[in-house]
PDB file of N, CA and C in Angstrom:
ATOM      1  N   MET A   1      67.880  52.553  89.324  1.00  0.00           N
ATOM      2  CA  MET A   1      68.229  52.930  87.961  1.00  0.00           C
ATOM      3  C   MET A   1      68.955  51.760  87.307  1.00  0.00           C
ATOM      4  N   VAL A   2      68.549  51.429  86.093  1.00  0.00           N
ATOM      5  CA  VAL A   2      69.162  50.364  85.311  1.00  0.00           C
ATOM      6  C   VAL A   2      69.919  51.022  84.150  1.00  0.00           C
ATOM      7  N   THR A   3      71.161  50.597  83.965  1.00  0.00           N
ATOM      8  CA  THR A   3      71.985  51.163  82.900  1.00  0.00           C
ATOM      9  C   THR A   3      72.382  50.057  81.932  1.00  0.00           C
ATOM     10  N   ALA A   4      72.310  50.360  80.647  1.00  0.00           N
ATOM     11  CA  ALA A   4      72.763  49.424  79.616  1.00  0.00           C
ATOM     12  C   ALA A   4      73.652  50.174  78.634  1.00  0.00           C
ATOM     13  N   VAL A   5      74.636  49.455  78.129  1.00  0.00           N
ATOM     14  CA  VAL A   5      75.504  49.972  77.076  1.00  0.00           C
ATOM     15  C   VAL A   5      75.132  49.209  75.813  1.00  0.00           C
ATOM     16  N   VAL A   6      74.759  49.943  74.777  1.00  0.00           N
ATOM     17  CA  VAL A   6      74.345  49.306  73.528  1.00  0.00           C
ATOM     18  C   VAL A   6      75.398  49.593  72.460  1.00  0.00           C
ATOM     19  N   LEU A   7      76.022  48.525  71.969  1.00  0.00           N
ATOM     20  CA  LEU A   7      77.038  48.611  70.929  1.00  0.00           C
ATOM     21  C   LEU A   7      76.341  48.419  69.585  1.00  0.00           C
ATOM     22  N   ILE A   8      76.518  49.382  68.695  1.00  0.00           N
ATOM     23  CA  ILE A   8      75.719  49.404  67.465  1.00  0.00           C
ATOM     24  C   ILE A   8      76.603  49.419  66.223  1.00  0.00           C
ATOM     25  N   LYS A   9      76.284  48.515  65.283  1.00  0.00           N
ATOM     26  CA  LYS A   9      76.865  48.548  63.946  1.00  0.00           C
ATOM     27  C   LYS A   9      75.825  49.182  63.040  1.00  0.00           C
ATOM     28  N   ALA A  10      76.270  50.107  62.207  1.00  0.00           N
ATOM     29  CA  ALA A  10      75.324  50.852  61.379  1.00  0.00           C
ATOM     30  C   ALA A  10      75.819  50.974  59.948  1.00  0.00           C
ATOM     31  N   GLU A  11      74.882  51.281  59.057  1.00  0.00           N
ATOM     32  CA  GLU A  11      75.249  51.589  57.682  1.00  0.00           C
ATOM     33  C   GLU A  11      76.087  52.863  57.723  1.00  0.00           C
ATOM     34  N   THR A  12      77.246  52.832  57.107  1.00  0.00           N
ATOM     35  CA  THR A  12      78.221  53.919  57.213  1.00  0.00           C
ATOM     36  C   THR A  12      77.643  55.289  56.879  1.00  0.00           C
ATOM     37  N   ASP A  13      76.879  55.372  55.822  1.00  0.00           N
ATOM     38  CA  ASP A  13      76.354  56.675  55.408  1.00  0.00           C
ATOM     39  C   ASP A  13      75.224  57.184  56.302  1.00  0.00           C
ATOM     40  N   LYS A  14      74.764  56.368  57.242  1.00  0.00           N
ATOM     41  CA  LYS A  14      73.661  56.776  58.111  1.00  0.00           C
ATOM     42  C   LYS A  14      74.095  57.046  59.559  1.00  0.00           C
ATOM     43  N   VAL A  15      75.385  56.919  59.846  1.00  0.00           N
ATOM     44  CA  VAL A  15      75.865  57.052  61.223  1.00  0.00           C
ATOM     45  C   VAL A  15      75.509  58.403  61.853  1.00  0.00           C
ATOM     46  N   PRO A  16      75.808  59.540  61.224  1.00  0.00           N
ATOM     47  CA  PRO A  16      75.500  60.816  61.881  1.00  0.00           C
ATOM     48  C   PRO A  16      74.005  61.015  62.171  1.00  0.00           C
ATOM     49  N   GLU A  17      73.178  60.722  61.177  1.00  0.00           N
ATOM     50  CA  GLU A  17      71.730  60.868  61.342  1.00  0.00           C
ATOM     51  C   GLU A  17      71.204  59.897  62.398  1.00  0.00           C
ATOM     52  N   LEU A  18      71.686  58.680  62.381  1.00  0.00           N
ATOM     53  CA  LEU A  18      71.264  57.670  63.341  1.00  0.00           C
ATOM     54  C   LEU A  18      71.653  58.073  64.762  1.00  0.00           C
ATOM     55  N   ALA A  19      72.861  58.589  64.928  1.00  0.00           N
ATOM     56  CA  ALA A  19      73.320  59.033  66.248  1.00  0.00           C
ATOM     57  C   ALA A  19      72.396  60.118  66.807  1.00  0.00           C
ATOM     58  N   GLU A  20      72.018  61.055  65.978  1.00  0.00           N
ATOM     59  CA  GLU A  20      71.119  62.123  66.413  1.00  0.00           C
ATOM     60  C   GLU A  20      69.744  61.573  66.800  1.00  0.00           C
ATOM     61  N   ARG A  21      69.230  60.660  66.010  1.00  0.00           N
ATOM     62  CA  ARG A  21      67.913  60.077  66.303  1.00  0.00           C
ATOM     63  C   ARG A  21      67.950  59.250  67.585  1.00  0.00           C
ATOM     64  N   LEU A  22      69.038  58.520  67.805  1.00  0.00           N
ATOM     65  CA  LEU A  22      69.187  57.743  69.035  1.00  0.00           C
ATOM     66  C   LEU A  22      69.226  58.665  70.248  1.00  0.00           C
ATOM     67  N   ALA A  23      69.970  59.751  70.147  1.00  0.00           N
ATOM     68  CA  ALA A  23      70.124  60.681  71.266  1.00  0.00           C
ATOM     69  C   ALA A  23      68.796  61.328  71.662  1.00  0.00           C
ATOM     70  N   GLU A  24      67.854  61.390  70.744  1.00  0.00           N
ATOM     71  CA  GLU A  24      66.546  61.988  71.015  1.00  0.00           C
ATOM     72  C   GLU A  24      65.585  61.046  71.741  1.00  0.00           C
ATOM     73  N   LEU A  25      65.898  59.747  71.784  1.00  0.00           N
ATOM     74  CA  LEU A  25      64.995  58.780  72.410  1.00  0.00           C
ATOM     75  C   LEU A  25      64.989  58.932  73.927  1.00  0.00           C
ATOM     76  N   ASP A  26      63.803  58.869  74.521  1.00  0.00           N
ATOM     77  CA  ASP A  26      63.695  58.866  75.975  1.00  0.00           C
ATOM     78  C   ASP A  26      64.411  57.636  76.511  1.00  0.00           C
ATOM     79  N   GLY A  27      65.244  57.827  77.509  1.00  0.00           N
ATOM     80  CA  GLY A  27      65.995  56.732  78.095  1.00  0.00           C
ATOM     81  C   GLY A  27      67.426  56.660  77.600  1.00  0.00           C
ATOM     82  N   VAL A  28      67.708  57.264  76.457  1.00  0.00           N
ATOM     83  CA  VAL A  28      69.075  57.288  75.940  1.00  0.00           C
ATOM     84  C   VAL A  28      69.739  58.557  76.467  1.00  0.00           C
ATOM     85  N   SER A  29      70.778  58.375  77.290  1.00  0.00           N
ATOM     86  CA  SER A  29      71.414  59.545  77.895  1.00  0.00           C
ATOM     87  C   SER A  29      72.564  60.096  77.052  1.00  0.00           C
ATOM     88  N   GLU A  30      73.280  59.208  76.351  1.00  0.00           N
ATOM     89  CA  GLU A  30      74.409  59.644  75.535  1.00  0.00           C
ATOM     90  C   GLU A  30      74.602  58.691  74.367  1.00  0.00           C
ATOM     91  N   VAL A  31      75.145  59.228  73.282  1.00  0.00           N
ATOM     92  CA  VAL A  31      75.496  58.416  72.120  1.00  0.00           C
ATOM     93  C   VAL A  31      76.890  58.844  71.676  1.00  0.00           C
ATOM     94  N   PHE A  32      77.764  57.872  71.492  1.00  0.00           N
ATOM     95  CA  PHE A  32      79.132  58.138  71.074  1.00  0.00           C
ATOM     96  C   PHE A  32      79.379  57.542  69.694  1.00  0.00           C
ATOM     97  N   SER A  33      80.016  58.301  68.825  1.00  0.00           N
ATOM     98  CA  SER A  33      80.530  57.773  67.572  1.00  0.00           C
ATOM     99  C   SER A  33      81.924  57.256  67.893  1.00  0.00           C
ATOM    100  N   VAL A  34      82.199  55.997  67.558  1.00  0.00           N
ATOM    101  CA  VAL A  34      83.460  55.382  67.977  1.00  0.00           C
ATOM    102  C   VAL A  34      84.170  54.709  66.804  1.00  0.00           C
ATOM    103  N   ALA A  35      85.462  54.449  67.004  1.00  0.00           N
ATOM    104  CA  ALA A  35      86.254  53.706  66.038  1.00  0.00           C
ATOM    105  C   ALA A  35      86.328  52.259  66.503  1.00  0.00           C
ATOM    106  N   GLY A  36      86.512  51.355  65.569  1.00  0.00           N
ATOM    107  CA  GLY A  36      86.652  49.954  65.922  1.00  0.00           C
ATOM    108  C   GLY A  36      85.543  49.109  65.327  1.00  0.00           C
ATOM    109  N   GLN A  37      85.225  48.035  66.004  1.00  0.00           N
ATOM    110  CA  GLN A  37      84.249  47.056  65.520  1.00  0.00           C
ATOM    111  C   GLN A  37      82.836  47.636  65.427  1.00  0.00           C
ATOM    112  N   TYR A  38      82.524  48.581  66.294  1.00  0.00           N
ATOM    113  CA  TYR A  38      81.186  49.185  66.315  1.00  0.00           C
ATOM    114  C   TYR A  38      81.264  50.617  65.819  1.00  0.00           C
ATOM    115  N   ASP A  39      80.126  51.149  65.398  1.00  0.00           N
ATOM    116  CA  ASP A  39      80.058  52.516  64.890  1.00  0.00           C
ATOM    117  C   ASP A  39      79.569  53.498  65.947  1.00  0.00           C
ATOM    118  N   LEU A  40      78.640  53.037  66.772  1.00  0.00           N
ATOM    119  CA  LEU A  40      78.045  53.889  67.806  1.00  0.00           C
ATOM    120  C   LEU A  40      77.931  53.126  69.113  1.00  0.00           C
ATOM    121  N   VAL A  41      77.991  53.856  70.204  1.00  0.00           N
ATOM    122  CA  VAL A  41      77.734  53.304  71.528  1.00  0.00           C
ATOM    123  C   VAL A  41      76.695  54.202  72.183  1.00  0.00           C
ATOM    124  N   ALA A  42      75.596  53.599  72.632  1.00  0.00           N
ATOM    125  CA  ALA A  42      74.536  54.364  73.295  1.00  0.00           C
ATOM    126  C   ALA A  42      74.434  53.925  74.749  1.00  0.00           C
ATOM    127  N   LEU A  43      74.308  54.892  75.649  1.00  0.00           N
ATOM    128  CA  LEU A  43      74.064  54.603  77.058  1.00  0.00           C
ATOM    129  C   LEU A  43      72.587  54.786  77.318  1.00  0.00           C
ATOM    130  N   VAL A  44      71.967  53.743  77.847  1.00  0.00           N
ATOM    131  CA  VAL A  44      70.535  53.777  78.153  1.00  0.00           C
ATOM    132  C   VAL A  44      70.386  53.693  79.659  1.00  0.00           C
ATOM    133  N   ARG A  45      69.642  54.642  80.218  1.00  0.00           N
ATOM    134  CA  ARG A  45      69.395  54.659  81.662  1.00  0.00           C
ATOM    135  C   ARG A  45      67.893  54.764  81.884  1.00  0.00           C
ATOM    136  N   VAL A  46      67.338  53.740  82.536  1.00  0.00           N
ATOM    137  CA  VAL A  46      65.896  53.685  82.787  1.00  0.00           C
ATOM    138  C   VAL A  46      65.650  53.230  84.226  1.00  0.00           C
ATOM    139  N   ARG A  47      64.400  53.297  84.651  1.00  0.00           N
ATOM    140  CA  ARG A  47      64.064  52.941  86.030  1.00  0.00           C
ATOM    141  C   ARG A  47      64.060  51.432  86.280  1.00  0.00           C
ATOM    142  N   GLU A  48      63.532  50.661  85.336  1.00  0.00           N
ATOM    143  CA  GLU A  48      63.362  49.226  85.554  1.00  0.00           C
ATOM    144  C   GLU A  48      63.818  48.432  84.331  1.00  0.00           C
ATOM    145  N   ASN A  49      64.133  47.152  84.549  1.00  0.00           N
ATOM    146  CA  ASN A  49      64.565  46.289  83.457  1.00  0.00           C
ATOM    147  C   ASN A  49      63.559  46.245  82.315  1.00  0.00           C
ATOM    148  N   GLU A  50      62.286  46.232  82.637  1.00  0.00           N
ATOM    149  CA  GLU A  50      61.254  46.165  81.598  1.00  0.00           C
ATOM    150  C   GLU A  50      61.331  47.367  80.659  1.00  0.00           C
ATOM    151  N   ASP A  51      61.789  48.492  81.203  1.00  0.00           N
ATOM    152  CA  ASP A  51      61.900  49.699  80.389  1.00  0.00           C
ATOM    153  C   ASP A  51      63.008  49.570  79.340  1.00  0.00           C
ATOM    154  N   LEU A  52      64.001  48.715  79.609  1.00  0.00           N
ATOM    155  CA  LEU A  52      65.052  48.490  78.608  1.00  0.00           C
ATOM    156  C   LEU A  52      64.464  47.935  77.322  1.00  0.00           C
ATOM    157  N   ALA A  53      63.550  46.991  77.456  1.00  0.00           N
ATOM    158  CA  ALA A  53      62.915  46.407  76.265  1.00  0.00           C
ATOM    159  C   ALA A  53      62.137  47.462  75.495  1.00  0.00           C
ATOM    160  N   LYS A  54      61.468  48.341  76.212  1.00  0.00           N
ATOM    161  CA  LYS A  54      60.695  49.398  75.542  1.00  0.00           C
ATOM    162  C   LYS A  54      61.614  50.317  74.732  1.00  0.00           C
ATOM    163  N   VAL A  55      62.751  50.674  75.327  1.00  0.00           N
ATOM    164  CA  VAL A  55      63.664  51.593  74.649  1.00  0.00           C
ATOM    165  C   VAL A  55      64.457  50.875  73.560  1.00  0.00           C
ATOM    166  N   ILE A  56      65.089  49.755  73.913  1.00  0.00           N
ATOM    167  CA  ILE A  56      66.009  49.102  72.980  1.00  0.00           C
ATOM    168  C   ILE A  56      65.270  48.332  71.884  1.00  0.00           C
ATOM    169  N   SER A  57      64.389  47.426  72.263  1.00  0.00           N
ATOM    170  CA  SER A  57      63.663  46.639  71.255  1.00  0.00           C
ATOM    171  C   SER A  57      62.525  47.419  70.632  1.00  0.00           C
ATOM    172  N   GLY A  58      61.811  48.173  71.445  1.00  0.00           N
ATOM    173  CA  GLY A  58      60.628  48.872  70.971  1.00  0.00           C
ATOM    174  C   GLY A  58      60.897  50.102  70.137  1.00  0.00           C
ATOM    175  N   LYS A  59      61.984  50.809  70.437  1.00  0.00           N
ATOM    176  CA  LYS A  59      62.269  52.056  69.718  1.00  0.00           C
ATOM    177  C   LYS A  59      63.592  52.018  68.966  1.00  0.00           C
ATOM    178  N   MET A  60      64.661  51.720  69.687  1.00  0.00           N
ATOM    179  CA  MET A  60      65.999  51.808  69.110  1.00  0.00           C
ATOM    180  C   MET A  60      66.182  50.873  67.914  1.00  0.00           C
ATOM    181  N   ARG A  61      65.849  49.602  68.085  1.00  0.00           N
ATOM    182  CA  ARG A  61      66.085  48.620  67.019  1.00  0.00           C
ATOM    183  C   ARG A  61      65.194  48.841  65.795  1.00  0.00           C
ATOM    184  N   LYS A  62      64.184  49.681  65.915  1.00  0.00           N
ATOM    185  CA  LYS A  62      63.305  49.960  64.782  1.00  0.00           C
ATOM    186  C   LYS A  62      63.808  51.105  63.914  1.00  0.00           C
ATOM    187  N   LEU A  63      64.864  51.783  64.368  1.00  0.00           N
ATOM    188  CA  LEU A  63      65.407  52.881  63.580  1.00  0.00           C
ATOM    189  C   LEU A  63      66.153  52.332  62.374  1.00  0.00           C
ATOM    190  N   GLY A  64      65.958  52.947  61.243  1.00  0.00           N
ATOM    191  CA  GLY A  64      66.657  52.525  60.035  1.00  0.00           C
ATOM    192  C   GLY A  64      68.138  52.815  60.118  1.00  0.00           C
ATOM    193  N   GLY A  65      68.937  51.937  59.560  1.00  0.00           N
ATOM    194  CA  GLY A  65      70.372  52.148  59.512  1.00  0.00           C
ATOM    195  C   GLY A  65      71.158  51.271  60.463  1.00  0.00           C
ATOM    196  N   ILE A  66      70.488  50.657  61.448  1.00  0.00           N
ATOM    197  CA  ILE A  66      71.172  49.752  62.363  1.00  0.00           C
ATOM    198  C   ILE A  66      71.255  48.382  61.706  1.00  0.00           C
ATOM    199  N   THR A  67      72.456  47.852  61.586  1.00  0.00           N
ATOM    200  CA  THR A  67      72.616  46.527  60.993  1.00  0.00           C
ATOM    201  C   THR A  67      72.685  45.443  62.061  1.00  0.00           C
ATOM    202  N   SER A  68      73.218  45.769  63.241  1.00  0.00           N
ATOM    203  CA  SER A  68      73.228  44.836  64.372  1.00  0.00           C
ATOM    204  C   SER A  68      73.571  45.601  65.648  1.00  0.00           C
ATOM    205  N   SER A  69      73.272  44.959  66.769  1.00  0.00           N
ATOM    206  CA  SER A  69      73.600  45.594  68.044  1.00  0.00           C
ATOM    207  C   SER A  69      73.848  44.527  69.098  1.00  0.00           C
ATOM    208  N   GLU A  70      74.526  44.938  70.145  1.00  0.00           N
ATOM    209  CA  GLU A  70      74.780  44.073  71.287  1.00  0.00           C
ATOM    210  C   GLU A  70      74.537  44.912  72.536  1.00  0.00           C
ATOM    211  N   THR A  71      73.759  44.382  73.467  1.00  0.00           N
ATOM    212  CA  THR A  71      73.414  45.115  74.676  1.00  0.00           C
ATOM    213  C   THR A  71      74.101  44.516  75.891  1.00  0.00           C
ATOM    214  N   LEU A  72      74.764  45.370  76.646  1.00  0.00           N
ATOM    215  CA  LEU A  72      75.431  44.978  77.886  1.00  0.00           C
ATOM    216  C   LEU A  72      74.688  45.649  79.037  1.00  0.00           C
ATOM    217  N   ILE A  73      74.135  44.865  79.946  1.00  0.00           N
ATOM    218  CA  ILE A  73      73.427  45.430  81.094  1.00  0.00           C
ATOM    219  C   ILE A  73      74.417  45.561  82.240  1.00  0.00           C
ATOM    220  N   ALA A  74      74.487  46.746  82.812  1.00  0.00           N
ATOM    221  CA  ALA A  74      75.433  47.016  83.892  1.00  0.00           C
ATOM    222  C   ALA A  74      74.888  46.487  85.218  1.00  0.00           C
ATOM    223  N   PHE A  75      75.756  45.797  85.980  1.00  0.00           N
ATOM    224  CA  PHE A  75      75.403  45.360  87.331  1.00  0.00           C
ATOM    225  C   PHE A  75      75.571  46.516  88.312  1.00  0.00           C
ATOM    226  N   LYS A  76      76.661  47.253  88.161  1.00  0.00           N
ATOM    227  CA  LYS A  76      76.957  48.383  89.037  1.00  0.00           C
ATOM    228  C   LYS A  76      77.682  49.421  88.207  1.00  0.00           C
ATOM    229  N   VAL A  77      77.388  50.677  88.474  1.00  0.00           N
ATOM    230  CA  VAL A  77      78.030  51.771  87.756  1.00  0.00           C
ATOM    231  C   VAL A  77      79.059  52.408  88.676  1.00  0.00           C
ATOM    232  N   TYR A  78      80.282  52.510  88.198  1.00  0.00           N
ATOM    233  CA  TYR A  78      81.355  53.172  88.937  1.00  0.00           C
ATOM    234  C   TYR A  78      81.661  54.477  88.218  1.00  0.00           C
ATOM    235  N   SER A  79      81.772  55.552  88.968  1.00  0.00           N
ATOM    236  CA  SER A  79      82.104  56.832  88.354  1.00  0.00           C
ATOM    237  C   SER A  79      83.074  57.581  89.240  1.00  0.00           C
ATOM    238  N   LYS A  80      83.738  58.546  88.661  1.00  0.00           N
ATOM    239  CA  LYS A  80      84.680  59.369  89.410  1.00  0.00           C
ATOM    240  C   LYS A  80      83.963  60.064  90.565  1.00  0.00           C
ATOM    241  N   GLN A  81      82.734  60.515  90.329  1.00  0.00           N
ATOM    242  CA  GLN A  81      81.963  61.183  91.376  1.00  0.00           C
ATOM    243  C   GLN A  81      81.711  60.238  92.547  1.00  0.00           C
ATOM    244  N   ASP A  82      81.398  58.972  92.263  1.00  0.00           N
ATOM    245  CA  ASP A  82      81.174  57.989  93.329  1.00  0.00           C
ATOM    246  C   ASP A  82      82.438  57.787  94.147  1.00  0.00           C
ATOM    247  N   LEU A  83      83.571  57.672  93.474  1.00  0.00           N
ATOM    248  CA  LEU A  83      84.833  57.457  94.169  1.00  0.00           C
ATOM    249  C   LEU A  83      85.206  58.661  95.025  1.00  0.00           C
ATOM    250  N   GLU A  84      85.047  59.857  94.481  1.00  0.00           N
ATOM    251  CA  GLU A  84      85.375  61.066  95.236  1.00  0.00           C
ATOM    252  C   GLU A  84      84.458  61.213  96.448  1.00  0.00           C
ATOM    253  N   ALA A  85      83.198  60.882  96.292  1.00  0.00           N
ATOM    254  CA  ALA A  85      82.251  60.963  97.413  1.00  0.00           C
ATOM    255  C   ALA A  85      82.635  59.973  98.507  1.00  0.00           C
ATOM    256  N   GLY A  86      83.073  58.776  98.127  1.00  0.00           N
ATOM    257  CA  GLY A  86      83.486  57.779  99.104  1.00  0.00           C
ATOM    258  C   GLY A  86      84.687  58.241  99.910  1.00  0.00           C
ATOM    259  N   PHE A  87      85.668  58.848  99.233  1.00  0.00           N
ATOM    260  CA  PHE A  87      86.846  59.343  99.936  1.00  0.00           C
ATOM    261  C   PHE A  87      86.491  60.508 100.828  1.00  0.00           C
ATOM    262  N   ALA A  88      85.563  61.351 100.400  1.00  0.00           N
ATOM    263  CA  ALA A  88      85.155  62.495 101.209  1.00  0.00           C
ATOM    264  C   ALA A  88      84.480  62.055 102.495  1.00  0.00           C
ATOM    265  N   LEU A  89      83.824  60.885 102.465  1.00  0.00           N
ATOM    266  CA  LEU A  89      83.156  60.374 103.648  1.00  0.00           C
ATOM    267  C   LEU A  89      84.091  59.550 104.521  1.00  0.00           C
ATOM    268  N   GLY A  90      85.314  59.305 104.023  1.00  0.00           N
ATOM    269  CA  GLY A  90      86.276  58.524 104.774  1.00  0.00           C
ATOM    270  C   GLY A  90      86.101  57.017 104.632  1.00  0.00           C
ATOM    271  N   LEU A  91      85.404  56.577 103.581  1.00  0.00           N
ATOM    272  CA  LEU A  91      85.212  55.146 103.343  1.00  0.00           C
ATOM    273  C   LEU A  91      86.444  54.562 102.694  1.00  0.00           C
ATOM    274  N   ASP A  92      86.724  53.297 102.970  1.00  0.00           N
ATOM    275  CA  ASP A  92      87.866  52.618 102.347  1.00  0.00           C
ATOM    276  C   ASP A  92      87.446  51.894 101.107  1.00  0.00           C
TER     277      ASP A  92
END
């Protein structure tokens, strides 16, 4: 599984509609409306690196209302569930 975090700047009046449209795309697992430099953050989870291009460049970037984006590809995903599972198995 390949995970990417996509930081999105959007036209202010299109943020809610854009967030909903992003969340409907295959490969997009979550979309957050955030404060700060970016307007939205989308988590993309796909099987292979090539699929990132299909989702991000092929679908996501073609949606109206996005003014710019930055994609961060995750090397490893750490989660509370992973940590709890490790402790349950007695791993250090």
